[in-house]
């Protein structure tokens, strides 16, 4: 049975909320890149990523 990808929500060493996207093999493939003052702010960030990128195109800059 394989595990599904998951968003992990956690407090960092500066006591700010952050999220990371962890795939089934345990690798982190994305993170918030910034700390949030509130847990709710970090959850909004997760919802924004989930809503904004399901069909994102790939653009190669050369």
N, C-alpha and C. Protein backbone atom coordinates (compact mmCIF):
# COMPACT_ATOMS: atom_id res chain seq x y z
N UNK A 1 0.83 -1.18 0.00
CA UNK A 1 0.00 0.00 0.00
C UNK A 1 0.88 1.25 0.00
N UNK A 2 0.70 2.13 -0.98
CA UNK A 2 1.52 3.33 -1.04
C UNK A 2 0.83 4.49 -0.34
N UNK A 3 1.62 5.33 0.26
CA UNK A 3 1.08 6.50 0.94
C UNK A 3 0.83 7.60 -0.07
N UNK A 4 -0.14 8.42 0.20
CA UNK A 4 -0.46 9.53 -0.67
C UNK A 4 0.41 10.74 -0.32
N UNK A 5 0.54 11.65 -1.26
CA UNK A 5 1.21 12.91 -0.98
C UNK A 5 0.43 13.64 0.11
N UNK A 6 1.15 14.43 0.91
CA UNK A 6 0.48 15.13 2.00
C UNK A 6 1.12 16.50 2.24
N UNK A 7 0.34 17.42 2.70
CA UNK A 7 0.85 18.70 3.18
C UNK A 7 1.07 18.58 4.68
N UNK A 8 2.25 18.93 5.13
CA UNK A 8 2.54 18.94 6.56
C UNK A 8 2.58 20.40 7.02
N UNK A 9 1.90 20.68 8.10
CA UNK A 9 1.82 22.01 8.67
C UNK A 9 2.58 21.98 10.00
N UNK A 10 3.52 22.92 10.21
CA UNK A 10 4.35 22.85 11.40
C UNK A 10 4.86 24.23 11.80
N UNK A 11 5.35 24.35 13.02
CA UNK A 11 5.99 25.58 13.50
C UNK A 11 7.50 25.45 13.31
N UNK A 12 8.12 26.54 12.85
CA UNK A 12 9.57 26.53 12.66
C UNK A 12 10.27 27.05 13.92
N UNK A 13 11.59 27.18 13.85
CA UNK A 13 12.36 27.61 15.03
C UNK A 13 12.09 29.05 15.41
N UNK A 14 11.53 29.85 14.50
CA UNK A 14 11.17 31.25 14.80
C UNK A 14 9.72 31.34 15.30
N UNK A 15 9.10 30.18 15.56
CA UNK A 15 7.72 30.09 16.04
C UNK A 15 6.71 30.61 15.00
N UNK A 16 7.04 30.46 13.72
CA UNK A 16 6.12 30.79 12.64
C UNK A 16 5.59 29.50 12.03
N UNK A 17 4.43 29.59 11.41
CA UNK A 17 3.82 28.42 10.78
C UNK A 17 4.33 28.28 9.35
N UNK A 18 4.60 27.07 8.95
CA UNK A 18 5.05 26.75 7.58
C UNK A 18 4.35 25.48 7.12
N UNK A 19 4.41 25.25 5.81
CA UNK A 19 3.89 24.00 5.26
C UNK A 19 4.93 23.43 4.31
N UNK A 20 4.85 22.12 4.11
CA UNK A 20 5.68 21.44 3.11
C UNK A 20 4.85 20.34 2.48
N UNK A 21 5.10 20.09 1.21
CA UNK A 21 4.41 19.03 0.47
C UNK A 21 5.36 17.84 0.38
N UNK A 22 4.94 16.73 0.98
CA UNK A 22 5.75 15.52 1.06
C UNK A 22 5.08 14.44 0.21
N UNK A 23 5.85 13.83 -0.70
CA UNK A 23 5.30 12.78 -1.56
C UNK A 23 5.49 11.41 -0.91
N UNK A 24 4.96 10.40 -1.57
CA UNK A 24 4.87 9.06 -0.98
C UNK A 24 6.21 8.48 -0.55
N UNK A 25 7.31 8.87 -1.20
CA UNK A 25 8.61 8.31 -0.82
C UNK A 25 9.28 9.12 0.29
N UNK A 26 8.59 10.14 0.81
CA UNK A 26 9.12 10.93 1.91
C UNK A 26 9.86 12.18 1.49
N UNK A 27 10.05 12.38 0.19
CA UNK A 27 10.75 13.57 -0.28
C UNK A 27 9.85 14.80 -0.20
N UNK A 28 10.45 15.92 0.19
CA UNK A 28 9.75 17.21 0.19
C UNK A 28 9.91 17.81 -1.19
N UNK A 29 8.79 18.07 -1.87
CA UNK A 29 8.89 18.60 -3.23
C UNK A 29 8.48 20.07 -3.32
N UNK A 30 7.92 20.62 -2.26
CA UNK A 30 7.58 22.04 -2.22
C UNK A 30 7.43 22.47 -0.77
N UNK A 31 7.65 23.76 -0.53
CA UNK A 31 7.43 24.29 0.81
C UNK A 31 6.93 25.72 0.72
N UNK A 32 6.50 26.25 1.86
CA UNK A 32 5.88 27.57 1.88
C UNK A 32 6.84 28.68 1.50
N UNK A 33 8.13 28.49 1.73
CA UNK A 33 9.08 29.53 1.38
C UNK A 33 9.04 30.74 2.30
N UNK A 34 8.06 30.82 3.14
CA UNK A 34 7.94 31.91 4.10
C UNK A 34 7.22 31.39 5.33
N UNK A 35 7.43 32.07 6.43
CA UNK A 35 6.71 31.73 7.65
C UNK A 35 5.45 32.56 7.76
N UNK A 36 4.44 32.00 8.37
CA UNK A 36 3.16 32.67 8.59
C UNK A 36 2.98 32.92 10.08
N UNK A 37 2.40 34.06 10.42
CA UNK A 37 2.16 34.40 11.82
C UNK A 37 1.11 33.50 12.44
N UNK A 38 0.17 33.02 11.62
CA UNK A 38 -0.91 32.19 12.17
C UNK A 38 -1.01 30.87 11.42
N UNK A 39 -1.53 29.89 12.11
CA UNK A 39 -1.80 28.58 11.50
C UNK A 39 -2.80 28.74 10.36
N UNK A 40 -3.80 29.60 10.55
CA UNK A 40 -4.81 29.84 9.52
C UNK A 40 -4.18 30.44 8.26
N UNK A 41 -3.20 31.31 8.41
CA UNK A 41 -2.51 31.88 7.26
C UNK A 41 -1.79 30.81 6.46
N UNK A 42 -1.13 29.90 7.16
CA UNK A 42 -0.44 28.81 6.48
C UNK A 42 -1.44 27.89 5.77
N UNK A 43 -2.58 27.64 6.40
CA UNK A 43 -3.61 26.82 5.77
C UNK A 43 -4.17 27.50 4.53
N UNK A 44 -4.32 28.83 4.56
CA UNK A 44 -4.74 29.56 3.36
C UNK A 44 -3.71 29.41 2.25
N UNK A 45 -2.42 29.42 2.61
CA UNK A 45 -1.36 29.21 1.63
C UNK A 45 -1.47 27.85 0.97
N UNK A 46 -1.75 26.82 1.75
CA UNK A 46 -1.93 25.47 1.20
C UNK A 46 -3.12 25.45 0.24
N UNK A 47 -4.24 26.02 0.67
CA UNK A 47 -5.43 26.05 -0.19
C UNK A 47 -5.15 26.80 -1.49
N UNK A 48 -4.39 27.88 -1.41
CA UNK A 48 -4.06 28.66 -2.59
C UNK A 48 -3.24 27.84 -3.59
N UNK A 49 -2.25 27.11 -3.09
CA UNK A 49 -1.43 26.27 -3.96
C UNK A 49 -2.29 25.19 -4.61
N UNK A 50 -3.13 24.55 -3.81
CA UNK A 50 -3.97 23.47 -4.33
C UNK A 50 -4.93 23.99 -5.40
N UNK A 51 -5.46 25.20 -5.22
CA UNK A 51 -6.43 25.75 -6.16
C UNK A 51 -5.77 26.36 -7.39
N UNK A 52 -4.57 26.90 -7.24
CA UNK A 52 -3.95 27.68 -8.31
C UNK A 52 -3.14 26.87 -9.31
N UNK A 53 -2.71 25.68 -8.97
CA UNK A 53 -1.74 25.00 -9.81
C UNK A 53 -2.14 23.65 -10.38
N UNK A 54 -3.39 23.24 -10.36
CA UNK A 54 -3.68 21.87 -10.84
C UNK A 54 -3.34 21.66 -12.31
N UNK A 55 -3.44 22.70 -13.11
CA UNK A 55 -3.14 22.57 -14.54
C UNK A 55 -2.04 23.51 -14.99
N UNK A 56 -1.14 23.86 -14.07
CA UNK A 56 -0.07 24.80 -14.39
C UNK A 56 0.80 24.26 -15.51
N UNK A 57 1.15 25.14 -16.43
CA UNK A 57 2.02 24.74 -17.52
C UNK A 57 3.48 24.80 -17.07
N UNK A 58 4.35 24.16 -17.81
CA UNK A 58 5.76 24.19 -17.55
C UNK A 58 6.40 25.12 -18.57
N UNK A 59 7.12 26.13 -18.10
CA UNK A 59 7.79 27.07 -18.97
C UNK A 59 9.29 26.93 -18.74
N UNK A 60 10.03 26.67 -19.81
CA UNK A 60 11.47 26.52 -19.71
C UNK A 60 12.13 27.83 -20.10
N UNK A 61 12.91 28.39 -19.19
CA UNK A 61 13.67 29.61 -19.47
C UNK A 61 15.08 29.20 -19.84
N UNK A 62 15.53 29.66 -20.96
CA UNK A 62 16.88 29.27 -21.41
C UNK A 62 17.81 30.44 -21.44
